[in-house]
Amino acid sequence: MNAAPADQIRLLDVQALDVRLQQLAHKRRSLPEHAEIESLNKDLTQLRDLLVAAQTEESDCAREQTKAEQDVDQVRQRAVRDQKRLDSGAVSSPKDLENLQREITSLAKRQGDLEDVVLEVMERRESAQERVAELTERVSSVQSKIDDATSRRDAAFESLDGETATVTKEREVIAGTIPADLLKLYDKLREQQGGVGAARLYQRRCEGCRLELNITEVNEVKAASPDTVLRCENCRRILVRTSESGL
C-alpha cells in the first residue's frame, strides 16, 4: 500500500487522538465516585433493611401494648363491678361474700401482673422507637452522601464527555483528510493491537512494540519509497517514518 508521507504523518495525529479518547473512556469508567456510590448503596440497603425490621418491631410492640392495655381495662372494669356489688350490700351470704372478696383480690393481682406486662411492652416499644429514629437519621445521612457523590460523578461526566466530544470532532476532521484505504487498515490494526494501529519509528525503534529494528530491517526501511506504507516486522503495526527515525 502506498500513501503520501504527509498522510502517514497525519495518521499519527489520529492515533494520538484515539489514545486520548481511550484515556478519557478509561477515566470515565474509573472515577472514584463509582466505587464510593456502590459502597454507599450497599450501606444504604443494609440500613434500610434494619430500619424496616425496627419499624416492624415497633409496630408489633404497639399492637401488643394495645392488647395488654385492653386486658388491663377489662380486669379493672370487672374489679370495679365486683367492688360495687360488695359495697352495695346486695350480697348477704357469707360464702358469696367470701368468694366475691377472693375474686376482687385475685383481680387486683391479675391487674398488677397485666400492668407489669404493659410496662415491659412500653419499654420495648420505646427502645424500638429510638432505634427507628437512629436508623432513619443514618439512612438520611448515607442518602445525602450518595447524592453528593452522584453530583460529583455527574459533574465529572459532563467535563469528560465535553472533552470527548471535542476530541472526537477533531479526529473526524483529521481522519477525513487521510486516504480511505490507509484509514481502514489503521482502524483494523488498532482494533487488533489494543488500540494502537500506527506507531512512529523513532531512533530505529518502533514506538508500538518498543523493539529496535535490526540492521536488515533498517536497510529495508531506508530502501523503501517514501510513499510506501511500512509495517513493523514485530508487532505488524503501521510504521511511520519521520525526521527523527534515525535512518
Protein backbone atom coordinates (compact mmCIF):
# COMPACT_ATOMS: atom_id res chain seq x y z
CA MET A 1 0.00 0.00 0.00
CA ASN A 2 1.20 3.49 -0.82
CA ALA A 3 0.29 6.83 0.76
CA ALA A 4 1.83 10.25 0.77
CA PRO A 5 4.26 10.83 3.68
CA ALA A 6 2.06 13.70 4.89
CA ASP A 7 -0.93 11.36 5.06
CA GLN A 8 1.10 8.87 7.07
CA ILE A 9 2.18 11.62 9.46
CA ARG A 10 -1.46 12.64 9.95
CA LEU A 11 -2.15 9.03 10.84
CA LEU A 12 -0.01 9.60 13.94
CA ASP A 13 -2.21 12.59 14.80
CA VAL A 14 -5.28 10.37 14.56
CA GLN A 15 -3.54 7.76 16.70
CA ALA A 16 -2.76 10.34 19.37
CA LEU A 17 -6.40 11.41 19.42
CA ASP A 18 -7.55 7.80 19.63
CA VAL A 19 -5.25 7.24 22.58
CA ARG A 20 -6.73 10.32 24.24
CA LEU A 21 -10.24 9.00 23.63
CA GLN A 22 -9.23 5.71 25.23
CA GLN A 23 -7.83 7.57 28.22
CA LEU A 24 -11.00 9.60 28.60
CA ALA A 25 -13.17 6.48 28.40
CA HIS A 26 -10.99 4.72 30.97
CA LYS A 27 -11.11 7.73 33.27
CA ARG A 28 -14.90 7.86 32.93
CA ARG A 29 -15.17 4.19 33.90
CA SER A 30 -12.64 4.53 36.72
CA LEU A 31 -13.95 7.59 38.53
CA PRO A 32 -13.55 7.08 42.30
CA GLU A 33 -17.18 8.12 42.71
CA HIS A 34 -18.27 4.82 41.11
CA ALA A 35 -16.80 2.74 43.94
CA GLU A 36 -17.91 5.29 46.50
CA ILE A 37 -21.52 5.21 45.29
CA GLU A 38 -21.52 1.41 45.10
CA SER A 39 -20.21 1.12 48.68
CA LEU A 40 -22.69 3.69 49.97
CA ASN A 41 -25.58 1.97 48.22
CA LYS A 42 -24.64 -1.30 49.93
CA ASP A 43 -24.62 0.51 53.27
CA LEU A 44 -27.96 2.12 52.44
CA THR A 45 -29.54 -1.23 51.57
CA GLN A 46 -28.37 -2.73 54.86
CA LEU A 47 -29.59 0.28 56.85
CA ARG A 48 -32.97 0.22 55.13
CA ASP A 49 -33.35 -3.48 55.95
CA LEU A 50 -32.51 -2.73 59.59
CA LEU A 51 -34.95 0.19 59.56
CA VAL A 52 -37.76 -1.99 58.21
CA ALA A 53 -37.02 -4.56 60.93
CA ALA A 54 -37.06 -1.85 63.61
CA GLN A 55 -40.30 -0.37 62.26
CA THR A 56 -41.86 -3.82 62.22
CA GLU A 57 -40.76 -4.40 65.82
CA GLU A 58 -42.22 -1.03 66.87
CA SER A 59 -45.48 -1.81 65.10
CA ASP A 60 -45.66 -5.25 66.75
CA CYS A 61 -45.00 -3.67 70.15
CA ALA A 62 -47.73 -1.11 69.52
CA ARG A 63 -50.27 -3.85 68.84
CA GLU A 64 -49.05 -5.83 71.83
CA GLN A 65 -49.33 -2.74 74.05
CA THR A 66 -52.87 -2.06 72.87
CA LYS A 67 -53.87 -5.66 73.59
CA ALA A 68 -52.24 -5.60 77.05
CA GLU A 69 -53.93 -2.29 77.92
CA GLN A 70 -57.29 -3.71 76.84
CA ASP A 71 -56.69 -6.73 79.07
CA VAL A 72 -55.90 -4.42 81.99
CA ASP A 73 -59.02 -2.38 81.31
CA GLN A 74 -61.22 -5.49 81.22
CA VAL A 75 -59.84 -6.71 84.53
CA ARG A 76 -60.21 -3.24 86.07
CA GLN A 77 -63.84 -2.99 84.93
CA ARG A 78 -64.58 -6.44 86.34
CA ALA A 79 -62.98 -5.45 89.65
CA VAL A 80 -64.99 -2.22 89.74
CA ARG A 81 -68.24 -4.15 89.19
CA ASP A 82 -67.37 -6.64 91.94
CA GLN A 83 -66.45 -3.86 94.33
CA LYS A 84 -69.77 -2.13 93.66
CA ARG A 85 -71.62 -5.37 94.40
CA LEU A 86 -69.67 -5.75 97.60
CA ASP A 87 -70.29 -2.15 98.66
CA SER A 88 -73.97 -2.25 97.76
CA GLY A 89 -74.76 -4.92 100.34
CA ALA A 90 -76.65 -6.92 97.72
CA VAL A 91 -74.60 -9.99 98.60
CA SER A 92 -75.62 -11.22 102.03
CA SER A 93 -74.45 -14.82 102.03
CA PRO A 94 -71.17 -15.18 103.93
CA LYS A 95 -69.95 -17.71 101.40
CA ASP A 96 -70.83 -15.44 98.48
CA LEU A 97 -69.17 -12.53 100.24
CA GLU A 98 -66.03 -14.59 100.76
CA ASN A 99 -65.98 -15.66 97.11
CA LEU A 100 -66.54 -12.09 95.97
CA GLN A 101 -63.74 -10.76 98.14
CA ARG A 102 -61.45 -13.56 96.94
CA GLU A 103 -62.25 -12.67 93.32
CA ILE A 104 -61.58 -8.96 93.97
CA THR A 105 -58.20 -9.90 95.45
CA SER A 106 -57.45 -12.18 92.52
CA LEU A 107 -58.44 -9.48 90.05
CA ALA A 108 -56.19 -6.97 91.77
CA LYS A 109 -53.24 -9.36 91.44
CA ARG A 110 -54.18 -10.06 87.83
CA GLN A 111 -54.40 -6.35 87.11
CA GLY A 112 -50.96 -5.80 88.65
CA ASP A 113 -49.45 -8.59 86.55
CA LEU A 114 -51.02 -7.19 83.37
CA GLU A 115 -49.85 -3.67 84.19
CA ASP A 116 -46.31 -5.07 84.53
CA VAL A 117 -46.74 -6.57 81.06
CA VAL A 118 -47.86 -3.20 79.72
CA LEU A 119 -44.80 -1.52 81.23
CA GLU A 120 -42.48 -4.16 79.76
CA VAL A 121 -44.04 -3.78 76.31
CA MET A 122 -43.87 0.02 76.55
CA GLU A 123 -40.15 -0.21 77.33
CA ARG A 124 -39.58 -2.47 74.34
CA ARG A 125 -41.63 -0.15 72.15
CA GLU A 126 -39.69 2.89 73.32
CA SER A 127 -36.42 1.11 72.55
CA ALA A 128 -37.72 0.20 69.09
CA GLN A 129 -38.81 3.81 68.51
CA GLU A 130 -35.33 5.05 69.44
CA ARG A 131 -33.85 2.51 67.05
CA VAL A 132 -36.20 3.67 64.29
CA ALA A 133 -35.19 7.29 64.88
CA GLU A 134 -31.49 6.42 64.87
CA LEU A 135 -31.71 4.35 61.69
CA THR A 136 -33.86 6.95 59.96
CA GLU A 137 -31.17 9.53 60.65
CA ARG A 138 -28.43 7.20 59.41
CA VAL A 139 -30.38 6.40 56.24
CA SER A 140 -30.80 10.12 55.61
CA SER A 141 -27.08 10.72 56.20
CA VAL A 142 -25.99 7.96 53.80
CA GLN A 143 -28.51 9.12 51.19
CA SER A 144 -27.03 12.63 51.43
CA LYS A 145 -23.57 11.18 50.84
CA ILE A 146 -24.87 9.26 47.82
CA ASP A 147 -26.47 12.41 46.44
CA ASP A 148 -23.20 14.31 46.90
CA ALA A 149 -21.11 11.58 45.25
CA THR A 150 -23.62 11.31 42.41
CA SER A 151 -23.44 15.07 41.88
CA ARG A 152 -19.64 14.93 41.74
CA ARG A 153 -19.74 11.96 39.37
CA ASP A 154 -22.20 13.70 37.05
CA ALA A 155 -20.05 16.84 37.02
CA ALA A 156 -17.04 14.73 36.08
CA PHE A 157 -19.12 13.02 33.39
CA GLU A 158 -20.05 16.39 31.93
CA SER A 159 -16.43 17.51 31.80
CA LEU A 160 -15.14 14.24 30.34
CA ASP A 161 -17.98 13.96 27.84
CA GLY A 162 -17.35 17.52 26.71
CA GLU A 163 -13.67 16.81 26.09
CA THR A 164 -14.55 13.52 24.41
CA ALA A 165 -16.88 15.33 22.01
CA THR A 166 -14.15 17.88 21.17
CA VAL A 167 -11.51 15.20 20.58
CA THR A 168 -13.93 13.10 18.52
CA LYS A 169 -14.70 16.08 16.29
CA GLU A 170 -11.00 16.82 15.84
CA ARG A 171 -10.39 13.19 14.94
CA GLU A 172 -13.17 13.26 12.35
CA VAL A 173 -11.65 16.33 10.71
CA ILE A 174 -8.13 14.86 10.50
CA ALA A 175 -9.32 11.37 9.56
CA GLY A 176 -11.31 12.94 6.72
CA THR A 177 -8.03 14.04 5.09
CA ILE A 178 -6.48 10.56 5.14
CA PRO A 179 -6.99 8.14 2.21
CA ALA A 180 -9.79 5.70 2.94
CA ASP A 181 -7.73 2.54 2.36
CA LEU A 182 -4.98 3.71 4.72
CA LEU A 183 -7.51 4.70 7.39
CA LYS A 184 -9.30 1.36 7.01
CA LEU A 185 -6.04 -0.54 7.54
CA TYR A 186 -5.21 1.62 10.54
CA ASP A 187 -8.62 1.06 12.16
CA LYS A 188 -8.35 -2.69 11.60
CA LEU A 189 -4.89 -2.84 13.16
CA ARG A 190 -5.93 -0.58 16.03
CA GLU A 191 -8.74 -2.98 16.90
CA GLN A 192 -6.37 -5.95 16.75
CA GLN A 193 -3.47 -4.31 18.59
CA GLY A 194 -5.07 -2.98 21.73
CA GLY A 195 -5.92 0.48 20.44
CA VAL A 196 -2.64 1.25 18.65
CA GLY A 197 -2.70 0.81 14.87
CA ALA A 198 0.14 3.14 13.85
CA ALA A 199 3.43 3.88 15.55
CA ARG A 200 6.27 6.27 14.94
CA LEU A 201 9.70 4.95 14.02
CA TYR A 202 11.92 6.84 16.45
CA GLN A 203 15.69 6.33 16.54
CA ARG A 204 15.27 3.00 14.75
CA ARG A 205 12.79 1.82 17.40
CA CYS A 206 9.10 1.07 16.85
CA GLU A 207 7.15 3.03 19.42
CA GLY A 208 4.33 0.48 19.17
CA CYS A 209 6.17 -2.59 20.46
CA ARG A 210 9.26 -0.69 21.76
CA LEU A 211 11.62 -3.00 19.88
CA GLU A 212 14.59 -1.73 17.91
CA LEU A 213 14.85 -2.66 14.26
CA ASN A 214 17.79 -4.90 13.34
CA ILE A 215 20.23 -3.85 10.64
CA THR A 216 18.41 -5.78 7.91
CA GLU A 217 15.09 -4.12 8.79
CA VAL A 218 16.76 -0.71 8.89
CA ASN A 219 18.20 -1.21 5.45
CA GLU A 220 14.80 -2.28 4.10
CA VAL A 221 13.24 0.87 5.53
CA LYS A 222 15.96 3.02 4.02
CA ALA A 223 15.42 1.41 0.64
CA ALA A 224 11.65 1.81 0.72
CA SER A 225 9.99 4.63 -1.19
CA PRO A 226 8.70 7.50 0.98
CA ASP A 227 5.20 6.65 -0.23
CA THR A 228 5.41 3.02 0.87
CA VAL A 229 3.31 2.22 3.92
CA LEU A 230 5.62 0.18 6.12
CA ARG A 231 4.67 -2.37 8.75
CA CYS A 232 6.69 -3.26 11.85
CA GLU A 233 8.07 -6.79 11.47
CA ASN A 234 7.48 -7.44 15.18
CA CYS A 235 4.04 -6.04 16.01
CA ARG A 236 2.69 -5.54 12.44
CA ARG A 237 1.53 -2.01 13.17
CA ILE A 238 1.87 0.70 10.53
CA LEU A 239 5.37 2.13 10.95
CA VAL A 240 5.50 5.85 10.22
CA ARG A 241 8.81 7.47 9.31
CA THR A 242 9.68 10.96 10.50
CA SER A 243 12.77 13.17 10.59
CA GLU A 244 13.60 11.55 13.93
CA SER A 245 13.57 7.97 12.69
CA GLY A 246 17.38 7.78 12.83
CA LEU A 247 17.77 6.44 9.32
